[in-house]
Amino acid sequence: MKEKLTAQELHNLAMNIVGKDLEAQDYEFLAVNSKLKRNPQFVVQKGKQMSFVIVRAICHPEKVSDMDKKLVQKVKDHGEKFDATTFYAAVGLGHGEDFERPVIKDEDFAQLYPGLKQV
């Protein structure tokens, strides 16, 4: 039987995608938290600027443009205590053959990652 990825596995997949993007942009990783419901997922630094990054795995019918404004504001307020900028990184994930189907273990997946969005 085909097994769907769990919420934690989807979250980890999204974190890997965002983590590679942060690396490519020369961010230095100060802290990483991959547990669900723990925010932010990444604390990074570029030059002297610290940033908090919230990562969300989004699956159909949710949209990557939808954002939990309360959560984002809470993390942003916390980041301001450290002079940190806050980014929201939503990663849309779906099955490789049909984006509206769930991601299945050991099968291709499709992604929609619009990049870091400063909030």
N, C-alpha and C. Protein backbone atom coordinates (compact mmCIF):
# COMPACT_ATOMS: atom_id res chain seq x y z
N MET A 1 0.83 -1.19 0.00
CA MET A 1 0.00 0.00 0.00
C MET A 1 0.88 1.25 0.00
N LYS A 2 0.48 2.23 -0.77
CA LYS A 2 1.25 3.46 -0.87
C LYS A 2 1.02 4.30 0.38
N GLU A 3 2.12 4.81 0.91
CA GLU A 3 2.06 5.55 2.16
C GLU A 3 2.32 7.04 1.92
N LYS A 4 1.39 7.87 2.42
CA LYS A 4 1.56 9.32 2.32
C LYS A 4 2.62 9.78 3.31
N LEU A 5 3.31 10.86 2.97
CA LEU A 5 4.24 11.46 3.91
C LEU A 5 3.47 12.02 5.10
N THR A 6 4.04 11.87 6.28
CA THR A 6 3.42 12.43 7.49
C THR A 6 3.62 13.95 7.50
N ALA A 7 2.92 14.62 8.39
CA ALA A 7 3.08 16.08 8.53
C ALA A 7 4.54 16.43 8.84
N GLN A 8 5.18 15.63 9.71
CA GLN A 8 6.59 15.90 10.06
C GLN A 8 7.49 15.68 8.85
N GLU A 9 7.23 14.63 8.06
CA GLU A 9 8.05 14.36 6.86
C GLU A 9 7.88 15.47 5.82
N LEU A 10 6.65 15.96 5.65
CA LEU A 10 6.42 17.08 4.73
C LEU A 10 7.16 18.32 5.22
N HIS A 11 7.11 18.56 6.53
CA HIS A 11 7.80 19.70 7.13
C HIS A 11 9.31 19.60 6.89
N ASN A 12 9.86 18.41 7.11
CA ASN A 12 11.30 18.21 6.90
C ASN A 12 11.67 18.44 5.44
N LEU A 13 10.84 17.98 4.52
CA LEU A 13 11.08 18.18 3.09
C LEU A 13 11.10 19.68 2.77
N ALA A 14 10.12 20.40 3.29
CA ALA A 14 10.07 21.86 3.08
C ALA A 14 11.30 22.53 3.69
N MET A 15 11.72 22.09 4.86
CA MET A 15 12.91 22.67 5.50
C MET A 15 14.16 22.43 4.65
N ASN A 16 14.27 21.26 4.05
CA ASN A 16 15.42 20.98 3.19
C ASN A 16 15.45 21.93 1.99
N ILE A 17 14.29 22.17 1.40
CA ILE A 17 14.19 23.05 0.23
C ILE A 17 14.59 24.48 0.61
N VAL A 18 14.04 24.96 1.73
CA VAL A 18 14.35 26.32 2.18
C VAL A 18 15.81 26.41 2.64
N GLY A 19 16.29 25.38 3.32
CA GLY A 19 17.68 25.36 3.79
C GLY A 19 18.66 25.47 2.63
N LYS A 20 18.40 24.77 1.54
CA LYS A 20 19.27 24.86 0.36
C LYS A 20 19.25 26.26 -0.24
N ASP A 21 18.06 26.89 -0.23
CA ASP A 21 17.94 28.26 -0.72
C ASP A 21 18.76 29.21 0.15
N LEU A 22 18.67 29.05 1.47
CA LEU A 22 19.43 29.90 2.39
C LEU A 22 20.94 29.72 2.17
N GLU A 23 21.37 28.47 2.01
CA GLU A 23 22.79 28.19 1.72
C GLU A 23 23.23 28.89 0.45
N ALA A 24 22.42 28.77 -0.60
CA ALA A 24 22.76 29.37 -1.89
C ALA A 24 22.87 30.89 -1.79
N GLN A 25 22.16 31.48 -0.82
CA GLN A 25 22.22 32.93 -0.62
C GLN A 25 23.27 33.32 0.42
N ASP A 26 24.11 32.37 0.79
CA ASP A 26 25.23 32.60 1.72
C ASP A 26 24.82 33.01 3.13
N TYR A 27 23.70 32.48 3.60
CA TYR A 27 23.32 32.69 4.99
C TYR A 27 24.10 31.71 5.86
N GLU A 28 24.45 32.15 7.05
CA GLU A 28 25.12 31.30 8.03
C GLU A 28 24.04 30.82 9.01
N PHE A 29 24.01 29.53 9.27
CA PHE A 29 22.99 28.95 10.16
C PHE A 29 23.44 29.07 11.61
N LEU A 30 22.60 29.72 12.43
CA LEU A 30 22.88 29.87 13.85
C LEU A 30 22.09 28.85 14.66
N ALA A 31 20.88 28.53 14.19
CA ALA A 31 20.03 27.54 14.88
C ALA A 31 19.04 26.96 13.89
N VAL A 32 18.74 25.67 14.08
CA VAL A 32 17.76 24.98 13.23
C VAL A 32 16.82 24.22 14.16
N ASN A 33 15.52 24.37 13.92
CA ASN A 33 14.53 23.66 14.72
C ASN A 33 13.54 23.01 13.76
N SER A 34 13.59 21.70 13.67
CA SER A 34 12.74 21.01 12.70
C SER A 34 11.47 20.43 13.31
N LYS A 35 11.22 20.69 14.60
CA LYS A 35 10.00 20.16 15.22
C LYS A 35 8.80 20.96 14.76
N LEU A 36 7.71 20.25 14.48
CA LEU A 36 6.46 20.91 14.13
C LEU A 36 6.01 21.80 15.28
N LYS A 37 5.38 22.91 14.96
CA LYS A 37 4.83 23.84 15.94
C LYS A 37 5.89 24.60 16.72
N ARG A 38 7.17 24.47 16.37
CA ARG A 38 8.23 25.24 17.02
C ARG A 38 8.73 26.27 16.02
N ASN A 39 8.76 27.52 16.42
CA ASN A 39 9.10 28.60 15.50
C ASN A 39 10.14 29.52 16.11
N PRO A 40 11.01 30.11 15.33
CA PRO A 40 11.18 29.91 13.88
C PRO A 40 11.95 28.61 13.61
N GLN A 41 11.93 28.17 12.35
CA GLN A 41 12.64 26.95 11.99
C GLN A 41 14.13 27.22 11.81
N PHE A 42 14.46 28.38 11.27
CA PHE A 42 15.87 28.74 11.07
C PHE A 42 16.14 30.09 11.71
N VAL A 43 17.29 30.18 12.37
CA VAL A 43 17.86 31.48 12.76
C VAL A 43 19.15 31.55 11.97
N VAL A 44 19.23 32.54 11.10
CA VAL A 44 20.38 32.66 10.19
C VAL A 44 20.96 34.06 10.28
N GLN A 45 22.16 34.19 9.71
CA GLN A 45 22.81 35.49 9.71
C GLN A 45 23.52 35.69 8.38
N LYS A 46 23.45 36.90 7.90
CA LYS A 46 24.17 37.28 6.68
C LYS A 46 24.81 38.62 6.98
N GLY A 47 26.14 38.65 6.95
CA GLY A 47 26.82 39.85 7.41
C GLY A 47 26.54 39.97 8.90
N LYS A 48 26.09 41.14 9.32
CA LYS A 48 25.75 41.34 10.72
C LYS A 48 24.25 41.24 10.98
N GLN A 49 23.47 40.96 9.93
CA GLN A 49 22.01 40.92 10.05
C GLN A 49 21.50 39.52 10.39
N MET A 50 20.86 39.40 11.55
CA MET A 50 20.24 38.13 11.94
C MET A 50 18.83 38.09 11.37
N SER A 51 18.38 36.89 11.00
CA SER A 51 17.03 36.70 10.47
C SER A 51 16.40 35.45 11.05
N PHE A 52 15.09 35.52 11.27
CA PHE A 52 14.28 34.38 11.67
C PHE A 52 13.51 33.93 10.44
N VAL A 53 13.46 32.62 10.21
CA VAL A 53 12.76 32.09 9.04
C VAL A 53 11.71 31.08 9.50
N ILE A 54 10.46 31.36 9.15
CA ILE A 54 9.35 30.46 9.43
C ILE A 54 9.12 29.62 8.17
N VAL A 55 9.14 28.31 8.29
CA VAL A 55 8.96 27.41 7.15
C VAL A 55 7.62 26.69 7.30
N ARG A 56 6.86 26.64 6.21
CA ARG A 56 5.60 25.91 6.22
C ARG A 56 5.49 25.04 4.98
N ALA A 57 5.14 23.76 5.19
CA ALA A 57 4.83 22.86 4.08
C ALA A 57 3.33 23.02 3.81
N ILE A 58 3.00 23.35 2.58
CA ILE A 58 1.62 23.62 2.20
C ILE A 58 1.18 22.57 1.18
N CYS A 59 0.04 21.94 1.44
CA CYS A 59 -0.50 20.94 0.52
C CYS A 59 -1.89 21.36 0.06
N HIS A 60 -2.26 20.96 -1.15
CA HIS A 60 -3.57 21.25 -1.72
C HIS A 60 -4.66 20.85 -0.73
N PRO A 61 -5.66 21.61 -0.48
CA PRO A 61 -6.11 22.80 -1.21
C PRO A 61 -5.59 24.13 -0.64
N GLU A 62 -4.70 24.07 0.38
CA GLU A 62 -4.13 25.32 0.88
C GLU A 62 -3.30 25.98 -0.21
N LYS A 63 -3.06 27.27 -0.05
CA LYS A 63 -2.25 28.01 -1.03
C LYS A 63 -1.01 28.56 -0.35
N VAL A 64 0.11 28.62 -1.09
CA VAL A 64 1.34 29.15 -0.50
C VAL A 64 1.19 30.61 -0.12
N SER A 65 0.24 31.29 -0.73
CA SER A 65 0.03 32.71 -0.40
C SER A 65 -0.71 32.91 0.92
N ASP A 66 -1.37 31.84 1.42
CA ASP A 66 -2.06 31.94 2.71
C ASP A 66 -1.02 31.88 3.83
N MET A 67 -1.20 32.72 4.83
CA MET A 67 -0.21 32.76 5.90
C MET A 67 -0.94 32.97 7.23
N ASP A 68 -0.44 32.31 8.27
CA ASP A 68 -0.98 32.46 9.61
C ASP A 68 -0.46 33.79 10.16
N LYS A 69 -1.24 34.84 9.98
CA LYS A 69 -0.79 36.20 10.34
C LYS A 69 -0.48 36.35 11.83
N LYS A 70 -1.25 35.67 12.68
CA LYS A 70 -1.02 35.73 14.12
C LYS A 70 0.35 35.15 14.48
N LEU A 71 0.63 33.98 13.93
CA LEU A 71 1.91 33.33 14.18
C LEU A 71 3.06 34.18 13.65
N VAL A 72 2.91 34.67 12.44
CA VAL A 72 3.97 35.48 11.83
C VAL A 72 4.24 36.71 12.68
N GLN A 73 3.19 37.36 13.17
CA GLN A 73 3.37 38.55 14.00
C GLN A 73 4.08 38.20 15.31
N LYS A 74 3.73 37.06 15.89
CA LYS A 74 4.37 36.62 17.14
C LYS A 74 5.87 36.40 16.93
N VAL A 75 6.24 35.73 15.85
CA VAL A 75 7.66 35.48 15.57
C VAL A 75 8.37 36.79 15.23
N LYS A 76 7.69 37.64 14.47
CA LYS A 76 8.28 38.94 14.10
C LYS A 76 8.54 39.78 15.35
N ASP A 77 7.58 39.82 16.28
CA ASP A 77 7.76 40.56 17.53
C ASP A 77 8.95 40.01 18.31
N HIS A 78 9.07 38.70 18.37
CA HIS A 78 10.20 38.07 19.07
C HIS A 78 11.51 38.44 18.37
N GLY A 79 11.53 38.40 17.05
CA GLY A 79 12.73 38.73 16.29
C GLY A 79 13.19 40.16 16.49
N GLU A 80 12.22 41.06 16.64
CA GLU A 80 12.58 42.48 16.82
C GLU A 80 13.38 42.70 18.10
N LYS A 81 13.20 41.85 19.10
CA LYS A 81 13.98 41.95 20.34
C LYS A 81 15.47 41.70 20.07
N PHE A 82 15.75 41.00 18.98
CA PHE A 82 17.13 40.66 18.62
C PHE A 82 17.60 41.44 17.39
N ASP A 83 16.81 42.45 16.98
CA ASP A 83 17.11 43.21 15.77
C ASP A 83 17.12 42.31 14.54
N ALA A 84 16.32 41.27 14.56
CA ALA A 84 16.29 40.29 13.47
C ALA A 84 15.15 40.60 12.50
N THR A 85 15.42 40.39 11.23
CA THR A 85 14.35 40.45 10.24
C THR A 85 13.65 39.09 10.25
N THR A 86 12.41 39.07 9.80
CA THR A 86 11.64 37.82 9.79
C THR A 86 11.20 37.51 8.37
N PHE A 87 11.37 36.25 7.99
CA PHE A 87 10.96 35.78 6.67
C PHE A 87 9.96 34.65 6.84
N TYR A 88 9.04 34.57 5.88
CA TYR A 88 8.08 33.47 5.80
C TYR A 88 8.40 32.71 4.53
N ALA A 89 8.57 31.40 4.66
CA ALA A 89 8.92 30.57 3.51
C ALA A 89 7.92 29.42 3.40
N ALA A 90 6.95 29.58 2.51
CA ALA A 90 5.96 28.53 2.28
C ALA A 90 6.40 27.69 1.09
N VAL A 91 6.31 26.37 1.25
CA VAL A 91 6.68 25.45 0.18
C VAL A 91 5.45 24.60 -0.15
N GLY A 92 4.91 24.79 -1.35
CA GLY A 92 3.79 23.98 -1.80
C GLY A 92 4.32 22.62 -2.24
N LEU A 93 3.72 21.56 -1.73
CA LEU A 93 4.17 20.20 -2.06
C LEU A 93 2.99 19.37 -2.56
N GLY A 94 3.23 18.62 -3.61
CA GLY A 94 2.20 17.74 -4.16
C GLY A 94 2.85 16.57 -4.87
N HIS A 95 2.05 15.64 -5.29
CA HIS A 95 2.54 14.46 -6.00
C HIS A 95 3.16 14.89 -7.33
N GLY A 96 4.17 14.18 -7.77
CA GLY A 96 4.88 14.52 -9.00
C GLY A 96 4.03 14.48 -10.25
N GLU A 97 3.02 13.63 -10.29
CA GLU A 97 2.17 13.51 -11.47
C GLU A 97 0.93 14.39 -11.40
N ASP A 98 0.49 14.71 -10.18
CA ASP A 98 -0.71 15.53 -10.00
C ASP A 98 -0.55 16.31 -8.70
N PHE A 99 -0.29 17.60 -8.84
CA PHE A 99 0.02 18.44 -7.68
C PHE A 99 -1.09 18.42 -6.62
N GLU A 100 -2.30 18.12 -7.03
CA GLU A 100 -3.42 18.11 -6.08
C GLU A 100 -3.48 16.83 -5.25
N ARG A 101 -2.70 15.83 -5.63
CA ARG A 101 -2.65 14.58 -4.85
C ARG A 101 -1.56 14.69 -3.78
N PRO A 102 -1.68 13.91 -2.70
CA PRO A 102 -0.67 13.97 -1.64
C PRO A 102 0.68 13.39 -2.09
N VAL A 103 1.71 13.79 -1.38
CA VAL A 103 3.05 13.27 -1.63
C VAL A 103 3.12 11.86 -1.05
N ILE A 104 3.61 10.93 -1.86
CA ILE A 104 3.72 9.51 -1.48
C ILE A 104 5.19 9.17 -1.27
N LYS A 105 5.46 8.39 -0.21
CA LYS A 105 6.84 7.96 0.07
C LYS A 105 7.42 7.26 -1.15
N ASP A 106 8.68 7.60 -1.46
CA ASP A 106 9.45 6.98 -2.53
C ASP A 106 8.88 7.23 -3.93
N GLU A 107 8.06 8.26 -4.09
CA GLU A 107 7.57 8.66 -5.41
C GLU A 107 7.97 10.12 -5.64
N ASP A 108 7.99 10.51 -6.91
CA ASP A 108 8.35 11.89 -7.24
C ASP A 108 7.34 12.85 -6.64
N PHE A 109 7.86 14.03 -6.30
CA PHE A 109 6.98 15.08 -5.80
C PHE A 109 7.22 16.36 -6.60
N ALA A 110 6.26 17.24 -6.56
CA ALA A 110 6.39 18.54 -7.20
C ALA A 110 6.39 19.60 -6.10
N GLN A 111 7.07 20.70 -6.38
CA GLN A 111 7.14 21.77 -5.39
C GLN A 111 6.86 23.12 -6.02
N LEU A 112 6.31 23.99 -5.21
CA LEU A 112 6.10 25.37 -5.60
C LEU A 112 6.69 26.19 -4.46
N TYR A 113 7.85 26.79 -4.72
CA TYR A 113 8.53 27.56 -3.68
C TYR A 113 8.83 28.95 -4.22
N PRO A 114 8.00 29.93 -3.82
CA PRO A 114 8.21 31.29 -4.32
C PRO A 114 9.37 32.03 -3.67
N GLY A 115 10.05 31.40 -2.73
CA GLY A 115 11.21 32.03 -2.10
C GLY A 115 10.85 32.67 -0.77
N LEU A 116 11.84 33.29 -0.16
CA LEU A 116 11.66 33.94 1.13
C LEU A 116 10.84 35.20 0.96
N LYS A 117 9.90 35.38 1.88
CA LYS A 117 9.07 36.58 1.84
C LYS A 117 9.29 37.32 3.16
N GLN A 118 9.87 38.52 3.09
CA GLN A 118 10.08 39.29 4.31
C GLN A 118 8.74 39.79 4.83
N VAL A 119 8.54 39.65 6.14
CA VAL A 119 7.27 40.07 6.75
C VAL A 119 7.50 41.14 7.79
